[in-house]
Every structure is written in C-alpha cells, then in structure tokens.
Amino acid sequence: MRLIIIRHGESVWNREGRYQGQMDAPLSELGLRQAEALAERLRNEPLDAIFTSPLQRAARTAEAIARYHPNVPLLTSSALLEIHHGEWQGLLVDEVIERYSEGLREWRQHPTRAQMPGGESFSNVLKRVLDFKEWLLREYHERTVLVSTHDVVVKILVADALGMNMDRINRIWVTNASISVVEYGDDLPYLVSLSEACHLGRLEVARENQKAL
C-alpha cells in the first residue's frame, strides 16, 4: 500500500499560535490557498480512497483534493483526529507556558508519558492511529490511499514507519499542506518523502512561525 499523508492547511488558530487539539478551527485565508496548491499538485496522482479527519481544517483540505478526483470515495474517520489537548485547547502558547510549563516541557520532550489536563493520553492516540493503519493495510493492499489529518497523527505514522522511539516524534517538523509518503510492502515500510512542500512556494509557513505544537 502507498499511503499519502497530508497535514491540513494552515488554520486560523495555527496563525494565532493557539493550541487546537480537537477544537474545530477553520482554515485561514492562507490555509485555503495552501489547500488549493496542494490539490493542484496531486490532481494527477492515482488514488483509490481519500480519508479525512472530521475536523474542518482537515476536511476542507481533503475536499480541495477530492475535487480533482470525483470518482474516488471521500471518507471520514475519527481515528485521524488530532490528539485532544484538554485544558490547553484555545489557549495561546504563552498562556500554556504560563499555566502549564512543566506539562508542556514533558509533552515536547517525552510525549509518551505526557497527559494534558482533561485531554487524551498519548497511548490512546497511538492505538487509534496504528489500528487504523493496520485496517488500511488489510483493506487497501497494493492500492494508494490519501489521508488528510493533523500534526501528531502524521508524526506517529512517520515514526512508526521508521521504527522510531515515539518520544522523539516532536523532533519531526511537518509543515501545513505538506505531503509525506510511506510505502508498505511485504517486508519493511519505507518513508519515501517527509513534509514535501515544494508546491507551496511562498505559501509555506516556516517552522519559526508556528509555536503551538
């Protein structure tokens, strides 16, 4: 199976530096333009299915791609939701630093043992993402699937393909509206590309301009 993994276009809260989690922030004006550039980049890519997180920033990105693939099913899966940030959701980065500095440090350095207050455990998001991957491998063997999802989900899929320690996922940068590709064969999975964003040109958001991660 060839898995094309998309991180959604920039959201309004990405731009503001707010933690989103499972709050349903819309795409920004830049994010809408990024989604269109991404869709144009993928317009001739053979696809057998498109899956998206139900959150609108991922769904609108998937819909832009799907317009060029009218005969490809567009499906929603809650397995692709971002991790729930609990009490951090809606807060600016500086507010999280002020109120939850120790928890934020643990999340960035040791995510597998972090627990955001009122949020989702890492073990839960890890299980739902990898269970979904295994289901795709059974249902779409030797086919091409695109998923439109979120930062943490992309990082988990990439780290899993590489056999990385999951405590290292925050060393991976995934830009908005970027493409990462994993190919699953009969032996090892192969990471073919990571956070490819050449289609964005000047629309790309630099890592320094996105802090709420």
C-alpha atoms as a PDB file:
ATOM      1  CA  MET A   1       0.000   0.000   0.000  1.00  0.00           C
ATOM      2  CA  ARG A   2       1.099   3.517  -0.782  1.00  0.00           C
ATOM      3  CA  LEU A   3      -0.024   5.932   1.939  1.00  0.00           C
ATOM      4  CA  ILE A   4      -0.029   9.644   1.119  1.00  0.00           C
ATOM      5  CA  ILE A   5      -0.223  11.569   4.387  1.00  0.00           C
ATOM      6  CA  ILE A   6      -1.353  15.191   4.311  1.00  0.00           C
ATOM      7  CA  ARG A   7      -1.227  17.709   7.110  1.00  0.00           C
ATOM      8  CA  HIS A   8      -4.096  20.180   6.732  1.00  0.00           C
ATOM      9  CA  GLY A   9      -3.574  23.735   5.505  1.00  0.00           C
ATOM     10  CA  GLU A  10      -2.878  26.499   7.975  1.00  0.00           C
ATOM     11  CA  SER A  11      -5.808  27.160  10.313  1.00  0.00           C
ATOM     12  CA  VAL A  12      -6.807  30.432  11.921  1.00  0.00           C
ATOM     13  CA  TRP A  13      -5.549  29.097  15.248  1.00  0.00           C
ATOM     14  CA  ASN A  14      -2.236  27.948  13.722  1.00  0.00           C
ATOM     15  CA  ARG A  15      -1.758  31.542  12.613  1.00  0.00           C
ATOM     16  CA  GLU A  16      -2.695  32.913  16.052  1.00  0.00           C
ATOM     17  CA  GLY A  17      -0.483  30.429  17.898  1.00  0.00           C
ATOM     18  CA  ARG A  18      -3.331  28.697  19.749  1.00  0.00           C
ATOM     19  CA  TYR A  19      -3.472  25.058  20.775  1.00  0.00           C
ATOM     20  CA  GLN A  20      -6.266  23.411  18.774  1.00  0.00           C
ATOM     21  CA  GLY A  21      -6.449  19.730  19.569  1.00  0.00           C
ATOM     22  CA  GLN A  22      -9.982  18.687  18.687  1.00  0.00           C
ATOM     23  CA  MET A  23     -11.428  22.203  18.596  1.00  0.00           C
ATOM     24  CA  ASP A  24     -12.760  22.898  15.110  1.00  0.00           C
ATOM     25  CA  ALA A  25     -10.813  25.945  13.937  1.00  0.00           C
ATOM     26  CA  PRO A  26     -11.311  26.774  10.229  1.00  0.00           C
ATOM     27  CA  LEU A  27      -8.623  27.211   7.620  1.00  0.00           C
ATOM     28  CA  SER A  28      -7.126  30.690   7.365  1.00  0.00           C
ATOM     29  CA  GLU A  29      -7.091  32.547   4.065  1.00  0.00           C
ATOM     30  CA  LEU A  30      -3.524  31.322   3.603  1.00  0.00           C
ATOM     31  CA  GLY A  31      -4.634  27.789   4.517  1.00  0.00           C
ATOM     32  CA  LEU A  32      -7.291  27.850   1.794  1.00  0.00           C
ATOM     33  CA  ARG A  33      -4.664  28.885  -0.741  1.00  0.00           C
ATOM     34  CA  GLN A  34      -2.328  26.165   0.528  1.00  0.00           C
ATOM     35  CA  ALA A  35      -5.083  23.569   0.121  1.00  0.00           C
ATOM     36  CA  GLU A  36      -5.649  24.647  -3.476  1.00  0.00           C
ATOM     37  CA  ALA A  37      -1.914  24.479  -4.245  1.00  0.00           C
ATOM     38  CA  LEU A  38      -1.770  21.022  -2.674  1.00  0.00           C
ATOM     39  CA  ALA A  39      -4.794  19.867  -4.672  1.00  0.00           C
ATOM     40  CA  GLU A  40      -3.194  21.081  -7.889  1.00  0.00           C
ATOM     41  CA  ARG A  41       0.000  19.203  -7.004  1.00  0.00           C
ATOM     42  CA  LEU A  42      -1.987  15.970  -6.511  1.00  0.00           C
ATOM     43  CA  ARG A  43      -4.501  16.346  -9.338  1.00  0.00           C
ATOM     44  CA  ASN A  44      -2.881  13.613 -11.473  1.00  0.00           C
ATOM     45  CA  GLU A  45      -1.995  11.294  -8.590  1.00  0.00           C
ATOM     46  CA  PRO A  46      -3.814   7.942  -8.878  1.00  0.00           C
ATOM     47  CA  LEU A  47      -5.874   7.466  -5.709  1.00  0.00           C
ATOM     48  CA  ASP A  48      -8.118   4.631  -4.557  1.00  0.00           C
ATOM     49  CA  ALA A  49      -9.537   6.338  -1.462  1.00  0.00           C
ATOM     50  CA  ILE A  50      -9.333   9.605   0.452  1.00  0.00           C
ATOM     51  CA  PHE A  51      -9.813   9.614   4.229  1.00  0.00           C
ATOM     52  CA  THR A  52     -10.071  12.709   6.387  1.00  0.00           C
ATOM     53  CA  SER A  53     -10.360  13.705   9.995  1.00  0.00           C
ATOM     54  CA  PRO A  54     -13.830  15.119  10.710  1.00  0.00           C
ATOM     55  CA  LEU A  55     -12.352  18.476  11.812  1.00  0.00           C
ATOM     56  CA  GLN A  56     -12.952  21.126   9.169  1.00  0.00           C
ATOM     57  CA  ARG A  57      -9.318  22.163   8.718  1.00  0.00           C
ATOM     58  CA  ALA A  58      -8.521  18.627   7.533  1.00  0.00           C
ATOM     59  CA  ALA A  59     -11.867  18.068   5.792  1.00  0.00           C
ATOM     60  CA  ARG A  60     -11.638  21.284   3.726  1.00  0.00           C
ATOM     61  CA  THR A  61      -8.114  20.296   2.689  1.00  0.00           C
ATOM     62  CA  ALA A  62      -9.336  16.835   1.644  1.00  0.00           C
ATOM     63  CA  GLU A  63     -12.290  18.323  -0.244  1.00  0.00           C
ATOM     64  CA  ALA A  64      -9.951  20.528  -2.290  1.00  0.00           C
ATOM     65  CA  ILE A  65      -8.011  17.411  -3.317  1.00  0.00           C
ATOM     66  CA  ALA A  66     -11.185  15.389  -3.941  1.00  0.00           C
ATOM     67  CA  ARG A  67     -12.469  17.913  -6.482  1.00  0.00           C
ATOM     68  CA  TYR A  68      -9.802  16.633  -8.876  1.00  0.00           C
ATOM     69  CA  HIS A  69     -10.753  13.013  -8.096  1.00  0.00           C
ATOM     70  CA  PRO A  70     -14.562  12.919  -8.421  1.00  0.00           C
ATOM     71  CA  ASN A  71     -14.708   9.123  -8.681  1.00  0.00           C
ATOM     72  CA  VAL A  72     -12.618   8.463  -5.590  1.00  0.00           C
ATOM     73  CA  PRO A  73     -14.542   7.900  -2.331  1.00  0.00           C
ATOM     74  CA  LEU A  74     -14.053  10.625   0.288  1.00  0.00           C
ATOM     75  CA  LEU A  75     -14.498   9.097   3.745  1.00  0.00           C
ATOM     76  CA  THR A  76     -14.294  10.418   7.302  1.00  0.00           C
ATOM     77  CA  SER A  77     -12.578   8.649  10.193  1.00  0.00           C
ATOM     78  CA  SER A  78     -12.345   9.770  13.806  1.00  0.00           C
ATOM     79  CA  ALA A  79      -9.109   7.767  14.043  1.00  0.00           C
ATOM     80  CA  LEU A  80      -7.484  10.673  12.186  1.00  0.00           C
ATOM     81  CA  LEU A  81      -8.449  13.308  14.771  1.00  0.00           C
ATOM     82  CA  GLU A  82      -5.718  15.373  16.362  1.00  0.00           C
ATOM     83  CA  ILE A  83      -4.830  14.490  19.951  1.00  0.00           C
ATOM     84  CA  HIS A  84      -7.228  16.145  22.401  1.00  0.00           C
ATOM     85  CA  HIS A  85      -5.272  18.901  24.166  1.00  0.00           C
ATOM     86  CA  GLY A  86      -7.703  19.140  27.071  1.00  0.00           C
ATOM     87  CA  GLU A  87      -7.406  22.390  29.034  1.00  0.00           C
ATOM     88  CA  TRP A  88      -4.809  23.716  26.593  1.00  0.00           C
ATOM     89  CA  GLN A  89      -7.328  23.906  23.760  1.00  0.00           C
ATOM     90  CA  GLY A  90      -7.975  27.514  22.737  1.00  0.00           C
ATOM     91  CA  LEU A  91      -5.028  28.882  24.725  1.00  0.00           C
ATOM     92  CA  LEU A  92      -2.167  30.839  23.197  1.00  0.00           C
ATOM     93  CA  VAL A  93       1.325  29.370  23.510  1.00  0.00           C
ATOM     94  CA  ASP A  94       2.346  31.985  26.086  1.00  0.00           C
ATOM     95  CA  GLU A  95      -0.739  31.129  28.176  1.00  0.00           C
ATOM     96  CA  VAL A  96       0.143  27.430  28.132  1.00  0.00           C
ATOM     97  CA  ILE A  97       3.734  28.268  29.099  1.00  0.00           C
ATOM     98  CA  GLU A  98       2.499  30.412  31.982  1.00  0.00           C
ATOM     99  CA  ARG A  99      -0.063  27.923  33.338  1.00  0.00           C
ATOM    100  CA  TYR A 100       1.316  24.510  32.353  1.00  0.00           C
ATOM    101  CA  SER A 101       5.065  24.940  31.827  1.00  0.00           C
ATOM    102  CA  GLU A 102       6.062  21.564  33.298  1.00  0.00           C
ATOM    103  CA  GLY A 103       3.371  19.720  31.341  1.00  0.00           C
ATOM    104  CA  LEU A 104       4.372  21.454  28.119  1.00  0.00           C
ATOM    105  CA  ARG A 105       8.032  20.571  28.665  1.00  0.00           C
ATOM    106  CA  GLU A 106       7.088  16.927  29.235  1.00  0.00           C
ATOM    107  CA  TRP A 107       4.832  16.902  26.133  1.00  0.00           C
ATOM    108  CA  ARG A 108       7.632  18.227  23.947  1.00  0.00           C
ATOM    109  CA  GLN A 109      10.392  16.048  25.357  1.00  0.00           C
ATOM    110  CA  HIS A 110       8.583  12.860  26.463  1.00  0.00           C
ATOM    111  CA  PRO A 111       5.161  12.765  24.783  1.00  0.00           C
ATOM    112  CA  THR A 112       4.557   9.100  25.569  1.00  0.00           C
ATOM    113  CA  ARG A 113       4.313   9.821  29.288  1.00  0.00           C
ATOM    114  CA  ALA A 114       2.609  13.217  28.989  1.00  0.00           C
ATOM    115  CA  GLN A 115      -1.013  13.768  29.953  1.00  0.00           C
ATOM    116  CA  MET A 116      -2.571  17.137  29.180  1.00  0.00           C
ATOM    117  CA  PRO A 117      -5.143  18.049  31.867  1.00  0.00           C
ATOM    118  CA  GLY A 118      -8.540  16.868  30.670  1.00  0.00           C
ATOM    119  CA  GLY A 119      -7.013  15.653  27.422  1.00  0.00           C
ATOM    120  CA  GLU A 120      -6.247  12.426  25.609  1.00  0.00           C
ATOM    121  CA  SER A 121      -3.402  10.136  26.599  1.00  0.00           C
ATOM    122  CA  PHE A 122      -0.679   9.523  24.066  1.00  0.00           C
ATOM    123  CA  SER A 123      -1.277   5.785  24.333  1.00  0.00           C
ATOM    124  CA  ASN A 124      -4.858   6.301  23.183  1.00  0.00           C
ATOM    125  CA  VAL A 125      -3.990   8.373  20.132  1.00  0.00           C
ATOM    126  CA  LEU A 126      -1.170   5.962  19.287  1.00  0.00           C
ATOM    127  CA  LYS A 127      -3.520   2.975  19.436  1.00  0.00           C
ATOM    128  CA  ARG A 128      -6.271   4.514  17.316  1.00  0.00           C
ATOM    129  CA  VAL A 129      -3.813   5.708  14.654  1.00  0.00           C
ATOM    130  CA  LEU A 130      -1.929   2.414  14.386  1.00  0.00           C
ATOM    131  CA  ASP A 131      -5.157   0.375  14.485  1.00  0.00           C
ATOM    132  CA  PHE A 132      -6.387   2.487  11.573  1.00  0.00           C
ATOM    133  CA  LYS A 133      -3.136   1.932   9.683  1.00  0.00           C
ATOM    134  CA  GLU A 134      -3.436  -1.831  10.148  1.00  0.00           C
ATOM    135  CA  TRP A 135      -7.029  -1.720   8.902  1.00  0.00           C
ATOM    136  CA  LEU A 136      -5.925   0.205   5.801  1.00  0.00           C
ATOM    137  CA  LEU A 137      -3.225  -2.374   5.124  1.00  0.00           C
ATOM    138  CA  ARG A 138      -5.842  -5.132   5.142  1.00  0.00           C
ATOM    139  CA  GLU A 139      -8.486  -3.267   3.134  1.00  0.00           C
ATOM    140  CA  TYR A 140      -6.284  -1.442   0.614  1.00  0.00           C
ATOM    141  CA  HIS A 141      -3.452  -3.878  -0.010  1.00  0.00           C
ATOM    142  CA  GLU A 142      -1.411  -2.811  -3.075  1.00  0.00           C
ATOM    143  CA  ARG A 143      -3.514   0.327  -3.501  1.00  0.00           C
ATOM    144  CA  THR A 144      -2.976   4.055  -2.908  1.00  0.00           C
ATOM    145  CA  VAL A 145      -4.716   5.833  -0.044  1.00  0.00           C
ATOM    146  CA  LEU A 146      -4.566   9.501   0.921  1.00  0.00           C
ATOM    147  CA  VAL A 147      -5.258  10.676   4.476  1.00  0.00           C
ATOM    148  CA  SER A 148      -5.843  14.312   5.436  1.00  0.00           C
ATOM    149  CA  THR A 149      -5.011  14.707   9.095  1.00  0.00           C
ATOM    150  CA  HIS A 150      -3.107  16.569  11.807  1.00  0.00           C
ATOM    151  CA  ASP A 151       0.387  17.143  13.138  1.00  0.00           C
ATOM    152  CA  VAL A 152       0.558  14.426  15.802  1.00  0.00           C
ATOM    153  CA  VAL A 153      -1.093  11.801  13.589  1.00  0.00           C
ATOM    154  CA  VAL A 154       1.373  12.484  10.753  1.00  0.00           C
ATOM    155  CA  LYS A 155       4.291  12.218  13.165  1.00  0.00           C
ATOM    156  CA  ILE A 156       3.044   8.910  14.586  1.00  0.00           C
ATOM    157  CA  LEU A 157       2.681   7.361  11.128  1.00  0.00           C
ATOM    158  CA  VAL A 158       6.149   8.552  10.109  1.00  0.00           C
ATOM    159  CA  ALA A 159       7.784   7.430  13.353  1.00  0.00           C
ATOM    160  CA  ASP A 160       6.074   4.039  13.134  1.00  0.00           C
ATOM    161  CA  ALA A 161       7.354   3.537   9.575  1.00  0.00           C
ATOM    162  CA  LEU A 162      10.893   4.373  10.687  1.00  0.00           C
ATOM    163  CA  GLY A 163      10.748   2.290  13.863  1.00  0.00           C
ATOM    164  CA  MET A 164      11.476   5.423  15.907  1.00  0.00           C
ATOM    165  CA  ASN A 165      11.069   5.802  19.621  1.00  0.00           C
ATOM    166  CA  MET A 166       7.757   7.650  19.938  1.00  0.00           C
ATOM    167  CA  ASP A 167       9.338  10.008  22.468  1.00  0.00           C
ATOM    168  CA  ARG A 168      11.237  11.500  19.508  1.00  0.00           C
ATOM    169  CA  ILE A 169       8.208  12.496  17.417  1.00  0.00           C
ATOM    170  CA  ASN A 170       8.486  16.184  18.265  1.00  0.00           C
ATOM    171  CA  ARG A 171      11.855  16.242  16.510  1.00  0.00           C
ATOM    172  CA  ILE A 172       9.917  15.831  13.249  1.00  0.00           C
ATOM    173  CA  TRP A 173       8.674  19.004  11.578  1.00  0.00           C
ATOM    174  CA  VAL A 174       5.564  18.669   9.395  1.00  0.00           C
ATOM    175  CA  THR A 175       4.563  21.806   7.534  1.00  0.00           C
ATOM    176  CA  ASN A 176       0.946  22.725   6.777  1.00  0.00           C
ATOM    177  CA  ALA A 177      -0.408  21.323   3.487  1.00  0.00           C
ATOM    178  CA  SER A 178       2.673  19.136   3.074  1.00  0.00           C
ATOM    179  CA  ILE A 179       2.935  15.618   1.681  1.00  0.00           C
ATOM    180  CA  SER A 180       4.590  12.660   3.385  1.00  0.00           C
ATOM    181  CA  VAL A 181       4.558   9.237   1.751  1.00  0.00           C
ATOM    182  CA  VAL A 182       5.035   5.775   3.251  1.00  0.00           C
ATOM    183  CA  GLU A 183       5.111   2.634   1.103  1.00  0.00           C
ATOM    184  CA  TYR A 184       4.222  -0.653   2.801  1.00  0.00           C
ATOM    185  CA  GLY A 185       5.450  -3.815   1.109  1.00  0.00           C
ATOM    186  CA  ASP A 186       5.852  -7.417   2.149  1.00  0.00           C
ATOM    187  CA  ASP A 187       8.911  -6.680   4.280  1.00  0.00           C
ATOM    188  CA  LEU A 188       9.700  -3.206   5.638  1.00  0.00           C
ATOM    189  CA  PRO A 189       7.778   0.044   5.296  1.00  0.00           C
ATOM    190  CA  TYR A 190       9.708   2.792   3.519  1.00  0.00           C
ATOM    191  CA  LEU A 191       9.438   6.530   4.156  1.00  0.00           C
ATOM    192  CA  VAL A 192       9.536   7.887   0.607  1.00  0.00           C
ATOM    193  CA  SER A 193       9.072  11.569   1.433  1.00  0.00           C
ATOM    194  CA  LEU A 194       8.622  13.720   4.518  1.00  0.00           C
ATOM    195  CA  SER A 195       6.861  17.093   4.690  1.00  0.00           C
ATOM    196  CA  GLU A 196       7.297  17.778   0.970  1.00  0.00           C
ATOM    197  CA  ALA A 197       6.093  21.331   0.333  1.00  0.00           C
ATOM    198  CA  CYS A 198       7.660  22.466  -2.946  1.00  0.00           C
ATOM    199  CA  HIS A 199       4.150  23.014  -4.354  1.00  0.00           C
ATOM    200  CA  LEU A 200       3.564  25.762  -1.788  1.00  0.00           C
ATOM    201  CA  GLY A 201       6.379  28.096  -2.785  1.00  0.00           C
ATOM    202  CA  ARG A 202       5.902  31.329  -0.834  1.00  0.00           C
ATOM    203  CA  LEU A 203       2.747  29.928   0.768  1.00  0.00           C
ATOM    204  CA  GLU A 204       4.817  27.686   3.043  1.00  0.00           C
ATOM    205  CA  VAL A 205       4.758  28.515   6.777  1.00  0.00           C
ATOM    206  CA  ALA A 206       8.224  28.412   8.322  1.00  0.00           C
ATOM    207  CA  ARG A 207       8.755  26.358  11.466  1.00  0.00           C
ATOM    208  CA  GLU A 208       9.645  29.506  13.440  1.00  0.00           C
ATOM    209  CA  ASN A 209       6.181  30.933  12.738  1.00  0.00           C
ATOM    210  CA  GLN A 210       4.243  28.051  14.295  1.00  0.00           C
ATOM    211  CA  LYS A 211       4.694  27.605  18.012  1.00  0.00           C
ATOM    212  CA  ALA A 212       1.627  25.737  19.275  1.00  0.00           C
ATOM    213  CA  LEU A 213       2.957  22.202  18.836  1.00  0.00           C
END
